[in-house]
């Protein structure tokens, strides 16, 4: 069984991305595109006000950062 996801906003996910070395590359509409030069990874984070990210969206973001849910939770 997969670990339980925390309820997070886009701002929380952006903070974790920056801790992992991602930098804001650009915005496309309401999506912030973060990029990490070291391994050329890209993380797309939808920024829709102060709403929590949906679980499937959050899992996709975590996978694109190449970390586990536990690592993500520890970085919050």
PDB file of N, CA and C in Angstrom:
ATOM      1  N   UNK A   1       0.845  -1.187   0.000  1.00  0.00           N
ATOM      2  CA  UNK A   1       0.000   0.000   0.000  1.00  0.00           C
ATOM      3  C   UNK A   1       0.889   1.249   0.000  1.00  0.00           C
ATOM      4  N   UNK A   2       0.474   2.239  -0.773  1.00  0.00           N
ATOM      5  CA  UNK A   2       1.279   3.454  -0.877  1.00  0.00           C
ATOM      6  C   UNK A   2       1.067   4.350   0.341  1.00  0.00           C
ATOM      7  N   UNK A   3       2.096   5.102   0.707  1.00  0.00           N
ATOM      8  CA  UNK A   3       1.990   5.973   1.885  1.00  0.00           C
ATOM      9  C   UNK A   3       0.978   7.082   1.674  1.00  0.00           C
ATOM     10  N   UNK A   4       0.395   7.516   2.762  1.00  0.00           N
ATOM     11  CA  UNK A   4      -0.623   8.558   2.720  1.00  0.00           C
ATOM     12  C   UNK A   4       0.008   9.904   2.367  1.00  0.00           C
ATOM     13  N   UNK A   5      -0.634  10.607   1.466  1.00  0.00           N
ATOM     14  CA  UNK A   5      -0.132  11.901   1.024  1.00  0.00           C
ATOM     15  C   UNK A   5      -0.569  13.013   1.970  1.00  0.00           C
ATOM     16  N   UNK A   6       0.300  13.981   2.218  1.00  0.00           N
ATOM     17  CA  UNK A   6      -0.116  15.137   3.011  1.00  0.00           C
ATOM     18  C   UNK A   6      -0.964  16.072   2.148  1.00  0.00           C
ATOM     19  N   UNK A   7      -1.803  16.878   2.774  1.00  0.00           N
ATOM     20  CA  UNK A   7      -2.570  17.895   2.043  1.00  0.00           C
ATOM     21  C   UNK A   7      -1.671  19.114   1.900  1.00  0.00           C
ATOM     22  N   UNK A   8      -1.296  19.436   0.663  1.00  0.00           N
ATOM     23  CA  UNK A   8      -0.393  20.554   0.425  1.00  0.00           C
ATOM     24  C   UNK A   8      -0.922  21.469  -0.668  1.00  0.00           C
ATOM     25  N   UNK A   9      -0.505  22.718  -0.600  1.00  0.00           N
ATOM     26  CA  UNK A   9      -0.841  23.690  -1.634  1.00  0.00           C
ATOM     27  C   UNK A   9       0.313  23.741  -2.633  1.00  0.00           C
ATOM     28  N   UNK A  10       0.107  24.453  -3.713  1.00  0.00           N
ATOM     29  CA  UNK A  10       1.160  24.624  -4.712  1.00  0.00           C
ATOM     30  C   UNK A  10       2.363  25.326  -4.093  1.00  0.00           C
ATOM     31  N   UNK A  11       2.114  26.269  -3.207  1.00  0.00           N
ATOM     32  CA  UNK A  11       3.204  27.006  -2.548  1.00  0.00           C
ATOM     33  C   UNK A  11       4.093  26.042  -1.757  1.00  0.00           C
ATOM     34  N   UNK A  12       3.495  25.064  -1.066  1.00  0.00           N
ATOM     35  CA  UNK A  12       4.271  24.056  -0.322  1.00  0.00           C
ATOM     36  C   UNK A  12       5.125  23.221  -1.275  1.00  0.00           C
ATOM     37  N   UNK A  13       4.534  22.796  -2.390  1.00  0.00           N
ATOM     38  CA  UNK A  13       5.264  21.988  -3.368  1.00  0.00           C
ATOM     39  C   UNK A  13       6.410  22.791  -3.982  1.00  0.00           C
ATOM     40  N   UNK A  14       6.191  24.075  -4.220  1.00  0.00           N
ATOM     41  CA  UNK A  14       7.251  24.934  -4.766  1.00  0.00           C
ATOM     42  C   UNK A  14       8.404  25.058  -3.775  1.00  0.00           C
ATOM     43  N   UNK A  15       8.088  25.163  -2.493  1.00  0.00           N
ATOM     44  CA  UNK A  15       9.120  25.269  -1.462  1.00  0.00           C
ATOM     45  C   UNK A  15       9.990  24.015  -1.438  1.00  0.00           C
ATOM     46  N   UNK A  16       9.369  22.842  -1.545  1.00  0.00           N
ATOM     47  CA  UNK A  16      10.110  21.582  -1.573  1.00  0.00           C
ATOM     48  C   UNK A  16      10.981  21.524  -2.833  1.00  0.00           C
ATOM     49  N   UNK A  17      10.435  21.948  -3.964  1.00  0.00           N
ATOM     50  CA  UNK A  17      11.204  21.943  -5.219  1.00  0.00           C
ATOM     51  C   UNK A  17      12.462  22.789  -5.084  1.00  0.00           C
ATOM     52  N   UNK A  18      12.337  23.961  -4.479  1.00  0.00           N
ATOM     53  CA  UNK A  18      13.511  24.833  -4.301  1.00  0.00           C
ATOM     54  C   UNK A  18      14.529  24.202  -3.365  1.00  0.00           C
ATOM     55  N   UNK A  19      14.068  23.507  -2.322  1.00  0.00           N
ATOM     56  CA  UNK A  19      14.983  22.828  -1.403  1.00  0.00           C
ATOM     57  C   UNK A  19      15.774  21.742  -2.124  1.00  0.00           C
ATOM     58  N   UNK A  20      15.173  21.153  -3.150  1.00  0.00           N
ATOM     59  CA  UNK A  20      15.813  20.077  -3.903  1.00  0.00           C
ATOM     60  C   UNK A  20      16.685  20.597  -5.039  1.00  0.00           C
ATOM     61  N   UNK A  21      16.808  21.909  -5.159  1.00  0.00           N
ATOM     62  CA  UNK A  21      17.681  22.475  -6.175  1.00  0.00           C
ATOM     63  C   UNK A  21      17.000  22.886  -7.457  1.00  0.00           C
ATOM     64  N   UNK A  22      15.682  22.809  -7.503  1.00  0.00           N
ATOM     65  CA  UNK A  22      14.952  23.263  -8.678  1.00  0.00           C
ATOM     66  C   UNK A  22      14.849  24.779  -8.652  1.00  0.00           C
ATOM     67  N   UNK A  23      14.898  25.390  -9.826  1.00  0.00           N
ATOM     68  CA  UNK A  23      14.712  26.837  -9.935  1.00  0.00           C
ATOM     69  C   UNK A  23      13.545  27.093 -10.876  1.00  0.00           C
ATOM     70  N   UNK A  24      12.834  28.183 -10.622  1.00  0.00           N
ATOM     71  CA  UNK A  24      11.701  28.535 -11.474  1.00  0.00           C
ATOM     72  C   UNK A  24      12.235  28.891 -12.849  1.00  0.00           C
ATOM     73  N   UNK A  25      11.810  28.131 -13.842  1.00  0.00           N
ATOM     74  CA  UNK A  25      12.256  28.358 -15.215  1.00  0.00           C
ATOM     75  C   UNK A  25      11.325  29.349 -15.902  1.00  0.00           C
ATOM     76  N   UNK A  26      10.008  29.084 -15.836  1.00  0.00           N
ATOM     77  CA  UNK A  26       9.025  30.008 -16.396  1.00  0.00           C
ATOM     78  C   UNK A  26       7.616  29.616 -15.953  1.00  0.00           C
ATOM     79  N   UNK A  27       6.686  30.495 -16.251  1.00  0.00           N
ATOM     80  CA  UNK A  27       5.262  30.239 -16.005  1.00  0.00           C
ATOM     81  C   UNK A  27       4.579  30.079 -17.353  1.00  0.00           C
ATOM     82  N   UNK A  28       3.696  29.126 -17.452  1.00  0.00           N
ATOM     83  CA  UNK A  28       2.849  28.988 -18.628  1.00  0.00           C
ATOM     84  C   UNK A  28       1.419  28.954 -18.105  1.00  0.00           C
ATOM     85  N   UNK A  29       0.732  30.049 -18.260  1.00  0.00           N
ATOM     86  CA  UNK A  29      -0.616  30.142 -17.704  1.00  0.00           C
ATOM     87  C   UNK A  29      -0.544  30.053 -16.197  1.00  0.00           C
ATOM     88  N   UNK A  30      -1.263  29.085 -15.621  1.00  0.00           N
ATOM     89  CA  UNK A  30      -1.270  28.936 -14.166  1.00  0.00           C
ATOM     90  C   UNK A  30      -0.321  27.826 -13.704  1.00  0.00           C
ATOM     91  N   UNK A  31       0.606  27.415 -14.567  1.00  0.00           N
ATOM     92  CA  UNK A  31       1.551  26.359 -14.205  1.00  0.00           C
ATOM     93  C   UNK A  31       2.960  26.920 -14.085  1.00  0.00           C
ATOM     94  N   UNK A  32       3.598  26.618 -12.964  1.00  0.00           N
ATOM     95  CA  UNK A  32       4.989  27.024 -12.744  1.00  0.00           C
ATOM     96  C   UNK A  32       5.873  25.854 -13.146  1.00  0.00           C
ATOM     97  N   UNK A  33       6.826  26.115 -14.020  1.00  0.00           N
ATOM     98  CA  UNK A  33       7.725  25.075 -14.487  1.00  0.00           C
ATOM     99  C   UNK A  33       9.074  25.270 -13.802  1.00  0.00           C
ATOM    100  N   UNK A  34       9.459  24.280 -13.001  1.00  0.00           N
ATOM    101  CA  UNK A  34      10.735  24.301 -12.286  1.00  0.00           C
ATOM    102  C   UNK A  34      11.708  23.367 -12.993  1.00  0.00           C
ATOM    103  N   UNK A  35      12.982  23.731 -12.982  1.00  0.00           N
ATOM    104  CA  UNK A  35      14.003  22.976 -13.697  1.00  0.00           C
ATOM    105  C   UNK A  35      15.235  22.812 -12.811  1.00  0.00           C
ATOM    106  N   UNK A  36      15.836  21.619 -12.880  1.00  0.00           N
ATOM    107  CA  UNK A  36      17.071  21.365 -12.133  1.00  0.00           C
ATOM    108  C   UNK A  36      18.151  20.989 -13.145  1.00  0.00           C
ATOM    109  N   UNK A  37      19.162  21.819 -13.229  1.00  0.00           N
ATOM    110  CA  UNK A  37      20.228  21.664 -14.226  1.00  0.00           C
ATOM    111  C   UNK A  37      21.045  20.386 -14.028  1.00  0.00           C
ATOM    112  N   UNK A  38      21.285  19.994 -12.771  1.00  0.00           N
ATOM    113  CA  UNK A  38      22.176  18.865 -12.491  1.00  0.00           C
ATOM    114  C   UNK A  38      21.749  17.579 -13.200  1.00  0.00           C
ATOM    115  N   UNK A  39      20.457  17.293 -13.221  1.00  0.00           N
ATOM    116  CA  UNK A  39      19.992  16.067 -13.881  1.00  0.00           C
ATOM    117  C   UNK A  39      18.951  16.356 -14.960  1.00  0.00           C
ATOM    118  N   UNK A  40      18.780  17.630 -15.273  1.00  0.00           N
ATOM    119  CA  UNK A  40      17.853  18.087 -16.318  1.00  0.00           C
ATOM    120  C   UNK A  40      16.419  17.622 -16.079  1.00  0.00           C
ATOM    121  N   UNK A  41      16.027  17.589 -14.812  1.00  0.00           N
ATOM    122  CA  UNK A  41      14.655  17.227 -14.464  1.00  0.00           C
ATOM    123  C   UNK A  41      13.771  18.450 -14.486  1.00  0.00           C
ATOM    124  N   UNK A  42      12.497  18.227 -14.776  1.00  0.00           N
ATOM    125  CA  UNK A  42      11.523  19.300 -14.831  1.00  0.00           C
ATOM    126  C   UNK A  42      10.337  18.920 -13.963  1.00  0.00           C
ATOM    127  N   UNK A  43       9.845  19.874 -13.179  1.00  0.00           N
ATOM    128  CA  UNK A  43       8.666  19.657 -12.347  1.00  0.00           C
ATOM    129  C   UNK A  43       7.650  20.747 -12.669  1.00  0.00           C
ATOM    130  N   UNK A  44       6.456  20.342 -13.047  1.00  0.00           N
ATOM    131  CA  UNK A  44       5.394  21.281 -13.388  1.00  0.00           C
ATOM    132  C   UNK A  44       4.406  21.311 -12.224  1.00  0.00           C
ATOM    133  N   UNK A  45       4.223  22.505 -11.651  1.00  0.00           N
ATOM    134  CA  UNK A  45       3.351  22.651 -10.490  1.00  0.00           C
ATOM    135  C   UNK A  45       2.207  23.599 -10.840  1.00  0.00           C
ATOM    136  N   UNK A  46       0.956  23.095 -10.822  1.00  0.00           N
ATOM    137  CA  UNK A  46      -0.178  23.971 -11.113  1.00  0.00           C
ATOM    138  C   UNK A  46      -0.450  24.894  -9.922  1.00  0.00           C
ATOM    139  N   UNK A  47      -0.547  26.175 -10.199  1.00  0.00           N
ATOM    140  CA  UNK A  47      -0.765  27.167  -9.135  1.00  0.00           C
ATOM    141  C   UNK A  47      -2.168  27.737  -9.319  1.00  0.00           C
ATOM    142  N   UNK A  48      -3.107  27.215  -8.537  1.00  0.00           N
ATOM    143  CA  UNK A  48      -4.495  27.663  -8.617  1.00  0.00           C
ATOM    144  C   UNK A  48      -4.935  28.217  -7.269  1.00  0.00           C
ATOM    145  N   UNK A  49      -4.459  29.393  -6.959  1.00  0.00           N
ATOM    146  CA  UNK A  49      -4.831  30.037  -5.708  1.00  0.00           C
ATOM    147  C   UNK A  49      -4.292  29.298  -4.508  1.00  0.00           C
ATOM    148  N   UNK A  50      -5.107  29.213  -3.482  1.00  0.00           N
ATOM    149  CA  UNK A  50      -4.681  28.615  -2.216  1.00  0.00           C
ATOM    150  C   UNK A  50      -5.284  27.224  -2.017  1.00  0.00           C
ATOM    151  N   UNK A  51      -5.723  26.583  -3.110  1.00  0.00           N
ATOM    152  CA  UNK A  51      -6.347  25.264  -3.002  1.00  0.00           C
ATOM    153  C   UNK A  51      -5.292  24.173  -2.844  1.00  0.00           C
ATOM    154  N   UNK A  52      -5.674  23.097  -2.172  1.00  0.00           N
ATOM    155  CA  UNK A  52      -4.781  21.939  -2.044  1.00  0.00           C
ATOM    156  C   UNK A  52      -4.668  21.244  -3.402  1.00  0.00           C
ATOM    157  N   UNK A  53      -3.490  20.675  -3.641  1.00  0.00           N
ATOM    158  CA  UNK A  53      -3.282  19.903  -4.861  1.00  0.00           C
ATOM    159  C   UNK A  53      -4.022  18.579  -4.744  1.00  0.00           C
ATOM    160  N   UNK A  54      -4.544  18.093  -5.850  1.00  0.00           N
ATOM    161  CA  UNK A  54      -5.228  16.804  -5.837  1.00  0.00           C
ATOM    162  C   UNK A  54      -4.190  15.698  -5.649  1.00  0.00           C
ATOM    163  N   UNK A  55      -4.581  14.590  -5.034  1.00  0.00           N
ATOM    164  CA  UNK A  55      -3.625  13.513  -4.740  1.00  0.00           C
ATOM    165  C   UNK A  55      -2.866  13.005  -5.967  1.00  0.00           C
ATOM    166  N   UNK A  56      -3.555  12.747  -7.085  1.00  0.00           N
ATOM    167  CA  UNK A  56      -2.868  12.235  -8.270  1.00  0.00           C
ATOM    168  C   UNK A  56      -1.896  13.275  -8.820  1.00  0.00           C
ATOM    169  N   UNK A  57      -2.275  14.526  -8.783  1.00  0.00           N
ATOM    170  CA  UNK A  57      -1.394  15.602  -9.237  1.00  0.00           C
ATOM    171  C   UNK A  57      -0.150  15.664  -8.362  1.00  0.00           C
ATOM    172  N   UNK A  58      -0.349  15.567  -7.051  1.00  0.00           N
ATOM    173  CA  UNK A  58       0.781  15.609  -6.122  1.00  0.00           C
ATOM    174  C   UNK A  58       1.718  14.424  -6.339  1.00  0.00           C
ATOM    175  N   UNK A  59       1.166  13.231  -6.556  1.00  0.00           N
ATOM    176  CA  UNK A  59       2.005  12.055  -6.825  1.00  0.00           C
ATOM    177  C   UNK A  59       2.842  12.259  -8.094  1.00  0.00           C
ATOM    178  N   UNK A  60       2.255  12.864  -9.112  1.00  0.00           N
ATOM    179  CA  UNK A  60       2.974  13.133 -10.359  1.00  0.00           C
ATOM    180  C   UNK A  60       4.110  14.123 -10.117  1.00  0.00           C
ATOM    181  N   UNK A  61       3.840  15.158  -9.330  1.00  0.00           N
ATOM    182  CA  UNK A  61       4.871  16.159  -9.015  1.00  0.00           C
ATOM    183  C   UNK A  61       6.020  15.509  -8.239  1.00  0.00           C
ATOM    184  N   UNK A  62       5.673  14.689  -7.245  1.00  0.00           N
ATOM    185  CA  UNK A  62       6.689  14.011  -6.434  1.00  0.00           C
ATOM    186  C   UNK A  62       7.536  13.091  -7.319  1.00  0.00           C
ATOM    187  N   UNK A  63       6.897  12.360  -8.214  1.00  0.00           N
ATOM    188  CA  UNK A  63       7.637  11.468  -9.122  1.00  0.00           C
ATOM    189  C   UNK A  63       8.550  12.270 -10.043  1.00  0.00           C
ATOM    190  N   UNK A  64       8.091  13.429 -10.509  1.00  0.00           N
ATOM    191  CA  UNK A  64       8.922  14.230 -11.410  1.00  0.00           C
ATOM    192  C   UNK A  64      10.138  14.813 -10.689  1.00  0.00           C
ATOM    193  N   UNK A  65      10.068  14.932  -9.367  1.00  0.00           N
ATOM    194  CA  UNK A  65      11.205  15.408  -8.579  1.00  0.00           C
ATOM    195  C   UNK A  65      12.150  14.268  -8.212  1.00  0.00           C
ATOM    196  N   UNK A  66      11.781  13.045  -8.548  1.00  0.00           N
ATOM    197  CA  UNK A  66      12.578  11.833  -8.288  1.00  0.00           C
ATOM    198  C   UNK A  66      12.809  11.606  -6.797  1.00  0.00           C
ATOM    199  N   UNK A  67      11.739  11.753  -6.010  1.00  0.00           N
ATOM    200  CA  UNK A  67      11.805  11.472  -4.573  1.00  0.00           C
ATOM    201  C   UNK A  67      10.605  10.612  -4.186  1.00  0.00           C
ATOM    202  N   UNK A  68      10.620  10.114  -2.962  1.00  0.00           N
ATOM    203  CA  UNK A  68       9.497   9.324  -2.466  1.00  0.00           C
ATOM    204  C   UNK A  68       8.549  10.229  -1.681  1.00  0.00           C
ATOM    205  N   UNK A  69       7.381   9.693  -1.371  1.00  0.00           N
ATOM    206  CA  UNK A  69       6.411  10.445  -0.577  1.00  0.00           C
ATOM    207  C   UNK A  69       6.989  10.754   0.808  1.00  0.00           C
ATOM    208  N   UNK A  70       7.734   9.793   1.372  1.00  0.00           N
ATOM    209  CA  UNK A  70       8.333  10.013   2.690  1.00  0.00           C
ATOM    210  C   UNK A  70       9.357  11.148   2.646  1.00  0.00           C
ATOM    211  N   UNK A  71      10.181  11.177   1.580  1.00  0.00           N
ATOM    212  CA  UNK A  71      11.154  12.249   1.436  1.00  0.00           C
ATOM    213  C   UNK A  71      10.465  13.596   1.262  1.00  0.00           C
ATOM    214  N   UNK A  72       9.386  13.599   0.485  1.00  0.00           N
ATOM    215  CA  UNK A  72       8.624  14.835   0.279  1.00  0.00           C
ATOM    216  C   UNK A  72       8.074  15.345   1.618  1.00  0.00           C
ATOM    217  N   UNK A  73       7.482  14.418   2.373  1.00  0.00           N
ATOM    218  CA  UNK A  73       6.902  14.775   3.678  1.00  0.00           C
ATOM    219  C   UNK A  73       7.975  15.358   4.614  1.00  0.00           C
ATOM    220  N   UNK A  74       9.178  14.780   4.592  1.00  0.00           N
ATOM    221  CA  UNK A  74      10.272  15.247   5.457  1.00  0.00           C
ATOM    222  C   UNK A  74      10.737  16.646   5.053  1.00  0.00           C
ATOM    223  N   UNK A  75      10.620  16.991   3.790  1.00  0.00           N
ATOM    224  CA  UNK A  75      11.062  18.299   3.302  1.00  0.00           C
ATOM    225  C   UNK A  75      10.030  19.407   3.493  1.00  0.00           C
ATOM    226  N   UNK A  76       8.807  19.049   3.868  1.00  0.00           N
ATOM    227  CA  UNK A  76       7.751  20.076   4.039  1.00  0.00           C
ATOM    228  C   UNK A  76       8.077  21.056   5.144  1.00  0.00           C
TER     229      UNK A  76
END
